[in-house]
Amino acid sequence: MTPTFVDVLGERSGPAFESGAASIGYAELHSRARSIGASLLDRGLVGERVLILLPAGLDYVAALFGCWYAGAVAVPLSPSRDLARVLGDADPAAAIVPDGRTVPGVITLSTVLSTVDFQAAPEDWRRPAIGPDSLALLQYSGSGGVMVSHGNLVASARQTCRLFGAGPDAGVVSRLAPHRDLGLMTGVLHPVLAGSRATLLPPQVGPAEWLRAISDRHARVSGGPAAAFAAARTMPGVDLSTWDVAFTDAPSSTMDSFADRLAGNGFRRDAFFSCYWRAEATSLIAGRRGPAATEFDADTLASGRFTKPRWGGTPVVDRGRPADELEVAIVDPLTATRCPDGTAGEIWVSGPNVAVGYLGRPDVSERTFCARLRGSTDNFLRTGDLGFLHDGGLHVTDVLAA
């Protein structure tokens, strides 16, 4: 049976997370999660949605696991997000807020808690009846609240560990918001599954602080969107030679420029891990080590085909092979049939990490999460992105017009 992170966390030992001057080990995190879980269970919040309005840090991680230990559905939200919209959509039964702070908008909820309210003894916790199909998370993306099951989270974390080649020694530094899909998976859940140590930086830290943290902690795994790498500059006294997985969706020009600028700091070009992710797939879909781009004829790309140019073409980054257990199909969305070789189409994804659907939007969920190839009964996620497979690697070229 597929475990949940309630099962996984209790099996881990050693250092777990650090944030600022504070740190926590796996045994203490398990104990805090049981205390929070018991407190939430005492308030009858099994199966209810619980809003987490805490900044990135140890309290956030403990509250997240505490919700799962109570069988509640966590709704993590960055303080900068549209709280009023989420409150109306998610209809949470409770909120967890920072100690000593009043968060406008949540005072109408019947239960508003801070970390000082979690006084239940860890030994009073009793495991709720949750399994892989139970909802664990309501993840807000641009399209609304994505419903994610416990099984989705474990499957995605397992795939991330395999893609990264991560084990207990894979120290992680994350400056990505853990309230969002990529930050949650790469900065919190993948380290827990691997049993490794992770450093959580505030998302607003600059590139200099980020690179110094990687150097100081001899981290192997860290990354983010293209902007994180584009803004970084060479820094004296920073050693990036241990950085082995620099994951990003950056274009090849950004990766090349970063590698050239930071070569003097020990950064290796082959440390780049080019990847493709979506919140609806609970994060990573494909990835590969080392930057690789192939030039294709610009005119044929514009018409939905890819051919080698006679000279000077348009580079398209290879985002790697699909993760284990995933099927990626390149589909003509008008006919719901696979595109012929050499033709671009919409990227469809099927696998255990694909989320359940959008909260309260059954029609949109049906169109997005239950797409079917003609003559098939298997469900696929429609990503809305255009791309093609070339030499086994996924190449993303554009966004499908609505």
Protein backbone atom coordinates (compact mmCIF):
# COMPACT_ATOMS: atom_id res chain seq x y z
CA MET A 1 0.00 0.00 0.00
CA THR A 2 1.25 3.48 -0.87
CA PRO A 3 2.17 5.29 2.36
CA THR A 4 1.28 8.87 3.22
CA PHE A 5 3.66 11.48 4.60
CA VAL A 6 2.16 10.75 8.02
CA ASP A 7 3.78 7.33 7.71
CA VAL A 8 7.00 8.61 6.12
CA LEU A 9 7.82 11.33 8.66
CA GLY A 10 7.57 8.96 11.62
CA GLU A 11 10.28 6.76 10.08
CA ARG A 12 12.87 9.53 9.61
CA SER A 13 15.71 10.47 11.95
CA GLY A 14 18.52 13.01 12.09
CA PRO A 15 18.52 16.72 11.16
CA ALA A 16 15.49 17.86 9.16
CA PHE A 17 15.04 21.60 8.57
CA GLU A 18 16.67 24.87 9.44
CA SER A 19 15.38 28.39 8.96
CA GLY A 20 17.31 31.43 10.15
CA ALA A 21 18.93 30.55 13.47
CA ALA A 22 16.40 27.81 14.27
CA SER A 23 16.57 24.14 13.37
CA ILE A 24 14.57 20.99 13.98
CA GLY A 25 15.25 17.27 13.70
CA TYR A 26 12.92 14.66 12.28
CA ALA A 27 12.07 13.23 15.71
CA GLU A 28 11.11 16.66 17.06
CA LEU A 29 9.13 17.49 13.90
CA HIS A 30 7.23 14.21 14.25
CA SER A 31 6.48 15.09 17.89
CA ARG A 32 5.30 18.62 17.03
CA ALA A 33 3.14 17.30 14.20
CA ARG A 34 1.50 14.82 16.58
CA SER A 35 0.82 17.61 19.09
CA ILE A 36 -0.72 19.84 16.41
CA GLY A 37 -2.62 16.89 14.96
CA ALA A 38 -4.05 15.97 18.36
CA SER A 39 -5.07 19.60 18.97
CA LEU A 40 -6.85 19.79 15.61
CA LEU A 41 -8.51 16.42 16.19
CA ASP A 42 -9.81 17.69 19.55
CA ARG A 43 -11.50 20.51 17.62
CA GLY A 44 -13.22 18.11 15.23
CA LEU A 45 -11.30 19.16 12.12
CA VAL A 46 -10.93 15.73 10.51
CA GLY A 47 -11.62 16.13 6.80
CA GLU A 48 -12.01 19.90 7.14
CA ARG A 49 -10.01 22.49 5.21
CA VAL A 50 -7.48 24.38 7.36
CA LEU A 51 -5.88 27.56 6.06
CA ILE A 52 -2.15 27.92 6.87
CA LEU A 53 -1.12 31.59 6.86
CA LEU A 54 2.43 31.20 8.18
CA PRO A 55 5.63 32.45 6.54
CA ALA A 56 8.22 30.01 5.22
CA GLY A 57 9.94 28.40 8.20
CA LEU A 58 9.75 25.69 10.82
CA ASP A 59 6.31 26.66 12.15
CA TYR A 60 4.92 26.39 8.63
CA VAL A 61 6.37 22.91 8.11
CA ALA A 62 5.10 21.70 11.50
CA ALA A 63 1.61 23.12 10.82
CA LEU A 64 1.49 21.47 7.39
CA PHE A 65 2.31 18.03 8.78
CA GLY A 66 0.07 18.69 11.79
CA CYS A 67 -2.89 19.17 9.46
CA TRP A 68 -2.16 15.83 7.82
CA TYR A 69 -1.75 14.15 11.20
CA ALA A 70 -5.29 15.36 11.96
CA GLY A 71 -6.70 14.10 8.67
CA ALA A 72 -7.41 17.71 7.68
CA VAL A 73 -6.93 19.24 4.23
CA ALA A 74 -4.14 21.82 4.37
CA VAL A 75 -4.68 25.06 2.46
CA PRO A 76 -1.26 26.76 2.48
CA LEU A 77 -1.33 30.37 1.38
CA SER A 78 1.35 33.01 1.13
CA PRO A 79 0.36 36.18 3.05
CA SER A 80 0.64 38.10 -0.22
CA ARG A 81 -2.03 36.06 -2.02
CA ASP A 82 -5.66 37.12 -2.46
CA LEU A 83 -7.01 35.95 0.90
CA ALA A 84 -10.58 37.11 0.32
CA ARG A 85 -10.88 35.10 -2.91
CA VAL A 86 -9.43 31.97 -1.33
CA LEU A 87 -11.66 32.25 1.74
CA GLY A 88 -14.71 32.41 -0.49
CA ASP A 89 -13.57 29.52 -2.64
CA ALA A 90 -12.03 27.15 -0.07
CA ASP A 91 -14.53 27.83 2.75
CA PRO A 92 -12.02 26.72 5.42
CA ALA A 93 -13.21 25.63 8.86
CA ALA A 94 -10.10 27.00 10.59
CA ALA A 95 -6.96 29.05 10.07
CA ILE A 96 -3.47 28.85 11.56
CA VAL A 97 -1.88 32.30 11.87
CA PRO A 98 1.40 33.70 13.26
CA ASP A 99 1.61 34.16 17.03
CA GLY A 100 0.43 37.55 18.25
CA ARG A 101 -0.83 38.71 14.86
CA THR A 102 -4.32 39.49 13.69
CA VAL A 103 -4.90 38.53 10.06
CA PRO A 104 -7.74 40.56 8.54
CA GLY A 105 -10.32 38.39 6.85
CA VAL A 106 -10.06 35.26 9.00
CA ILE A 107 -11.78 36.68 12.09
CA THR A 108 -15.09 35.43 10.67
CA LEU A 109 -13.89 31.82 10.98
CA SER A 110 -15.04 29.91 14.03
CA THR A 111 -11.52 28.58 14.71
CA VAL A 112 -8.41 30.76 14.41
CA LEU A 113 -5.29 29.24 15.95
CA SER A 114 -1.64 30.14 16.44
CA THR A 115 1.22 27.89 17.44
CA VAL A 116 0.71 28.67 21.15
CA ASP A 117 -2.72 27.03 20.93
CA PHE A 118 -1.29 23.59 20.19
CA GLN A 119 -0.91 22.25 23.72
CA ALA A 120 -2.03 18.64 23.28
CA ALA A 121 0.50 16.01 24.33
CA PRO A 122 2.07 14.18 21.36
CA GLU A 123 1.23 10.83 22.95
CA ASP A 124 -2.48 11.76 22.88
CA TRP A 125 -2.44 11.70 19.07
CA ARG A 126 -4.30 8.88 17.33
CA ARG A 127 -3.82 8.29 13.63
CA PRO A 128 -6.93 9.29 11.66
CA ALA A 129 -8.37 7.08 8.94
CA ILE A 130 -6.52 8.51 5.94
CA GLY A 131 -5.00 6.79 2.93
CA PRO A 132 -3.52 7.55 -0.48
CA ASP A 133 -6.89 8.62 -1.92
CA SER A 134 -7.69 11.04 0.94
CA LEU A 135 -7.36 14.73 0.13
CA ALA A 136 -4.23 16.24 1.65
CA LEU A 137 -3.87 19.65 0.09
CA LEU A 138 -5.71 22.44 -1.64
CA GLN A 139 -3.04 24.12 -3.76
CA TYR A 140 -3.93 27.48 -5.27
CA SER A 141 -2.61 28.13 -8.76
CA GLY A 142 -3.70 30.61 -11.39
CA SER A 143 -6.63 28.36 -12.30
CA GLY A 144 -8.01 27.95 -8.78
CA GLY A 145 -7.75 25.44 -5.96
CA VAL A 146 -6.08 22.22 -7.10
CA MET A 147 -7.18 19.22 -5.00
CA VAL A 148 -4.17 17.02 -4.22
CA SER A 149 -4.35 13.61 -2.56
CA HIS A 150 -1.87 12.02 -0.16
CA GLY A 151 -1.03 9.52 -2.89
CA ASN A 152 -0.32 12.34 -5.36
CA LEU A 153 2.18 13.91 -2.94
CA VAL A 154 4.09 10.70 -2.22
CA ALA A 155 4.19 9.75 -5.93
CA SER A 156 5.51 13.18 -6.91
CA ALA A 157 8.13 13.21 -4.14
CA ARG A 158 9.28 9.72 -5.14
CA GLN A 159 9.62 10.82 -8.76
CA THR A 160 11.51 13.96 -7.71
CA CYS A 161 13.97 11.89 -5.68
CA ARG A 162 14.56 9.64 -8.69
CA LEU A 163 14.98 12.54 -11.10
CA PHE A 164 17.39 14.36 -8.78
CA GLY A 165 19.17 11.17 -7.71
CA ALA A 166 18.67 12.37 -4.14
CA GLY A 167 19.41 10.45 -0.96
CA PRO A 168 19.94 11.24 2.73
CA ASP A 169 23.12 13.21 1.95
CA ALA A 170 21.40 15.50 -0.58
CA GLY A 171 21.41 18.75 1.39
CA VAL A 172 18.79 21.16 0.03
CA VAL A 173 18.65 24.96 0.07
CA SER A 174 15.30 26.43 -0.97
CA ARG A 175 14.32 30.05 -1.52
CA LEU A 176 11.03 29.03 -3.18
CA ALA A 177 7.76 29.69 -1.36
CA PRO A 178 6.75 26.38 0.29
CA HIS A 179 3.11 27.40 -0.14
CA ARG A 180 3.39 26.72 -3.90
CA ASP A 181 3.82 23.47 -5.81
CA LEU A 182 7.51 23.66 -6.73
CA GLY A 183 8.68 25.06 -3.39
CA LEU A 184 6.59 22.56 -1.44
CA MET A 185 7.83 19.57 -3.40
CA THR A 186 11.53 20.42 -3.81
CA GLY A 187 12.04 22.25 -0.51
CA VAL A 188 9.88 20.26 1.93
CA LEU A 189 8.45 16.95 0.73
CA HIS A 190 11.28 15.62 -1.42
CA PRO A 191 13.81 16.17 1.43
CA VAL A 192 11.51 14.36 3.89
CA LEU A 193 11.11 11.38 1.58
CA ALA A 194 14.87 11.30 0.97
CA GLY A 195 15.58 11.77 4.69
CA SER A 196 17.88 14.70 3.94
CA ARG A 197 18.36 18.12 5.52
CA ALA A 198 16.81 21.26 4.03
CA THR A 199 17.42 24.95 4.64
CA LEU A 200 14.38 27.17 4.06
CA LEU A 201 15.20 30.75 3.10
CA PRO A 202 12.62 33.54 2.95
CA PRO A 203 11.41 33.74 -0.67
CA GLN A 204 12.33 37.43 -0.78
CA VAL A 205 16.08 36.87 -0.23
CA GLY A 206 18.32 38.09 -3.01
CA PRO A 207 20.57 35.98 -5.22
CA ALA A 208 23.69 36.80 -3.17
CA GLU A 209 22.19 35.41 0.06
CA TRP A 210 20.89 32.39 -1.83
CA LEU A 211 24.27 31.50 -3.32
CA ARG A 212 26.06 32.07 -0.02
CA ALA A 213 23.63 29.71 1.73
CA ILE A 214 24.36 27.02 -0.87
CA SER A 215 28.08 27.52 -0.28
CA ASP A 216 27.92 27.64 3.53
CA ARG A 217 25.79 24.48 3.76
CA HIS A 218 27.59 22.57 0.99
CA ALA A 219 24.18 21.95 -0.55
CA ARG A 220 23.69 19.58 -3.46
CA VAL A 221 20.16 20.58 -4.48
CA SER A 222 18.73 24.05 -5.11
CA GLY A 223 17.03 25.87 -7.95
CA GLY A 224 14.08 27.81 -9.22
CA PRO A 225 12.66 29.69 -12.19
CA ALA A 226 14.79 31.44 -14.78
CA ALA A 227 14.76 34.80 -12.96
CA ALA A 228 16.66 33.32 -10.00
CA PHE A 229 19.60 32.45 -12.24
CA ALA A 230 19.44 35.52 -14.46
CA ALA A 231 19.97 37.89 -11.51
CA ALA A 232 22.93 36.05 -9.92
CA ARG A 233 26.46 37.43 -10.19
CA THR A 234 29.91 36.12 -9.30
CA MET A 235 30.74 36.38 -5.60
CA PRO A 236 34.11 36.25 -3.82
CA GLY A 237 34.42 33.62 -1.12
CA VAL A 238 31.52 31.50 -2.38
CA ASP A 239 32.17 27.85 -3.30
CA LEU A 240 29.47 26.21 -5.45
CA SER A 241 31.41 23.04 -6.24
CA THR A 242 29.05 20.82 -4.20
CA TRP A 243 25.97 22.07 -6.09
CA ASP A 244 24.97 19.01 -8.09
CA VAL A 245 21.30 19.64 -9.02
CA ALA A 246 20.53 23.21 -10.11
CA PHE A 247 16.96 22.69 -11.28
CA THR A 248 15.31 25.31 -13.48
CA ASP A 249 13.06 25.96 -16.45
CA ALA A 250 15.42 28.65 -17.74
CA PRO A 251 16.20 29.03 -21.44
CA SER A 252 19.57 27.81 -22.64
CA SER A 253 20.94 31.36 -22.91
CA THR A 254 20.27 32.01 -19.20
CA MET A 255 21.88 28.72 -18.17
CA ASP A 256 24.93 29.38 -20.36
CA SER A 257 25.35 32.90 -18.99
CA PHE A 258 25.03 31.76 -15.37
CA ALA A 259 27.53 28.94 -15.87
CA ASP A 260 30.04 31.34 -17.44
CA ARG A 261 29.65 33.95 -14.66
CA LEU A 262 29.85 31.48 -11.77
CA ALA A 263 32.52 29.13 -13.15
CA GLY A 264 35.09 30.91 -10.97
CA ASN A 265 32.99 29.97 -7.93
CA GLY A 266 33.19 26.28 -8.77
CA PHE A 267 29.81 25.98 -10.50
CA ARG A 268 29.75 23.22 -13.12
CA ARG A 269 27.63 23.57 -16.23
CA ASP A 270 26.55 19.93 -15.99
CA ALA A 271 25.01 20.66 -12.56
CA PHE A 272 22.05 22.23 -14.34
CA PHE A 273 18.90 20.14 -14.20
CA SER A 274 16.51 21.34 -16.88
CA CYS A 275 12.93 20.47 -16.01
CA TYR A 276 9.23 21.06 -16.62
CA TRP A 277 6.58 21.29 -13.90
CA ARG A 278 2.91 22.07 -13.35
CA ALA A 279 0.84 22.50 -10.17
CA GLU A 280 -1.85 20.23 -11.60
CA ALA A 281 0.74 17.44 -11.82
CA THR A 282 1.93 18.13 -8.24
CA SER A 283 5.19 19.63 -9.57
CA LEU A 284 7.82 17.91 -11.76
CA ILE A 285 6.84 16.16 -14.99
CA ALA A 286 10.18 15.76 -16.76
CA GLY A 287 13.83 16.58 -16.23
CA ARG A 288 17.38 15.93 -17.35
CA ARG A 289 20.90 16.67 -16.19
CA GLY A 290 22.93 19.23 -18.06
CA PRO A 291 21.67 22.03 -20.32
CA ALA A 292 20.81 20.79 -23.80
CA ALA A 293 19.12 22.66 -26.61
CA THR A 294 18.55 21.70 -30.22
CA GLU A 295 18.13 24.21 -33.02
CA PHE A 296 15.05 23.81 -35.19
CA ASP A 297 13.83 25.68 -38.22
CA ALA A 298 11.91 28.74 -37.00
CA ASP A 299 9.34 28.69 -39.81
CA THR A 300 8.37 25.06 -39.31
CA LEU A 301 8.21 25.52 -35.52
CA ALA A 302 5.70 28.32 -36.01
CA SER A 303 3.53 25.97 -38.08
CA GLY A 304 3.63 23.18 -35.50
CA ARG A 305 6.41 21.05 -36.96
CA PHE A 306 10.05 20.70 -36.04
CA THR A 307 12.80 20.16 -38.58
CA LYS A 308 16.53 20.77 -38.50
CA PRO A 309 17.51 24.10 -40.09
CA ARG A 310 19.97 24.46 -42.91
CA TRP A 311 21.65 27.16 -40.85
CA GLY A 312 20.99 29.19 -37.69
CA GLY A 313 17.73 27.91 -36.23
CA THR A 314 15.71 28.57 -33.06
CA PRO A 315 17.06 26.75 -29.97
CA VAL A 316 14.51 24.73 -27.97
CA VAL A 317 15.59 23.38 -24.58
CA ASP A 318 15.29 19.66 -23.91
CA ARG A 319 13.41 19.39 -20.59
CA GLY A 320 14.27 15.72 -20.25
CA ARG A 321 12.47 12.42 -20.24
CA PRO A 322 9.18 12.09 -18.38
CA ALA A 323 9.45 10.92 -14.79
CA ASP A 324 8.97 7.24 -13.97
CA GLU A 325 5.33 6.13 -13.87
CA LEU A 326 4.28 9.07 -16.06
CA GLU A 327 3.02 8.92 -19.61
CA VAL A 328 3.38 12.04 -21.74
CA ALA A 329 1.43 12.22 -24.98
CA ILE A 330 1.67 14.89 -27.67
CA VAL A 331 -1.90 15.37 -28.81
CA ASP A 332 -3.91 17.22 -31.44
CA PRO A 333 -6.51 18.79 -29.10
CA LEU A 334 -9.06 19.10 -31.91
CA THR A 335 -9.11 15.39 -32.71
CA ALA A 336 -7.83 13.93 -29.38
CA THR A 337 -5.35 11.81 -31.33
CA ARG A 338 -1.59 11.50 -30.94
CA CYS A 339 0.35 13.80 -33.22
CA PRO A 340 2.49 12.22 -35.94
CA ASP A 341 6.24 12.13 -35.39
CA GLY A 342 7.78 15.49 -36.20
CA THR A 343 4.68 17.44 -35.17
CA ALA A 344 4.08 19.57 -32.10
CA GLY A 345 0.86 19.35 -30.12
CA GLU A 346 -0.62 19.84 -26.68
CA ILE A 347 1.24 18.11 -23.84
CA TRP A 348 -1.00 15.62 -22.02
CA VAL A 349 0.16 13.82 -18.87
CA SER A 350 -1.09 10.72 -17.07
CA GLY A 351 0.24 9.20 -13.86
CA PRO A 352 -0.15 8.84 -10.09
CA ASN A 353 1.02 12.37 -9.32
CA VAL A 354 -1.69 14.08 -11.43
CA ALA A 355 -4.02 15.88 -9.03
CA VAL A 356 -7.71 15.14 -8.47
CA GLY A 357 -9.18 18.30 -10.00
CA TYR A 358 -10.21 21.88 -9.21
CA LEU A 359 -12.31 22.56 -6.13
CA GLY A 360 -15.89 23.50 -6.99
CA ARG A 361 -15.28 23.53 -10.76
CA PRO A 362 -16.52 20.16 -12.03
CA ASP A 363 -16.85 21.21 -15.68
CA VAL A 364 -13.33 22.67 -15.84
CA SER A 365 -11.97 19.67 -13.94
CA GLU A 366 -13.60 17.30 -16.42
CA ARG A 367 -12.04 19.11 -19.39
CA THR A 368 -8.61 19.49 -17.78
CA PHE A 369 -8.05 16.32 -15.74
CA CYS A 370 -10.19 13.79 -17.60
CA ALA A 371 -9.09 14.26 -21.20
CA ARG A 372 -9.07 11.03 -23.19
CA LEU A 373 -7.39 9.98 -26.38
CA ARG A 374 -9.83 8.83 -29.00
CA GLY A 375 -10.67 5.18 -28.39
CA SER A 376 -9.13 5.14 -24.89
CA THR A 377 -10.64 5.17 -21.40
CA ASP A 378 -7.47 6.44 -19.66
CA ASN A 379 -7.61 9.95 -18.20
CA PHE A 380 -4.96 12.54 -19.03
CA LEU A 381 -4.19 16.00 -17.69
CA ARG A 382 -4.27 18.70 -20.36
CA THR A 383 -1.40 21.05 -19.51
CA GLY A 384 -2.35 23.76 -21.99
CA ASP A 385 1.27 23.82 -23.19
CA LEU A 386 2.49 23.01 -26.68
CA GLY A 387 5.54 20.88 -27.28
CA PHE A 388 7.01 17.76 -28.82
CA LEU A 389 9.16 14.76 -27.98
CA HIS A 390 12.54 14.57 -29.71
CA ASP A 391 15.06 11.79 -28.97
CA GLY A 392 12.94 10.94 -25.92
CA GLY A 393 13.18 14.43 -24.43
CA LEU A 394 10.25 16.79 -23.88
CA HIS A 395 10.56 20.16 -25.62
CA VAL A 396 8.08 22.89 -24.63
CA THR A 397 7.50 25.54 -27.27
CA ASP A 398 4.42 27.62 -26.45
CA VAL A 399 1.15 27.96 -24.56
CA LEU A 400 -2.04 26.77 -26.23
CA ALA A 401 -4.44 29.65 -26.89
CA ALA A 402 -7.60 29.44 -24.76
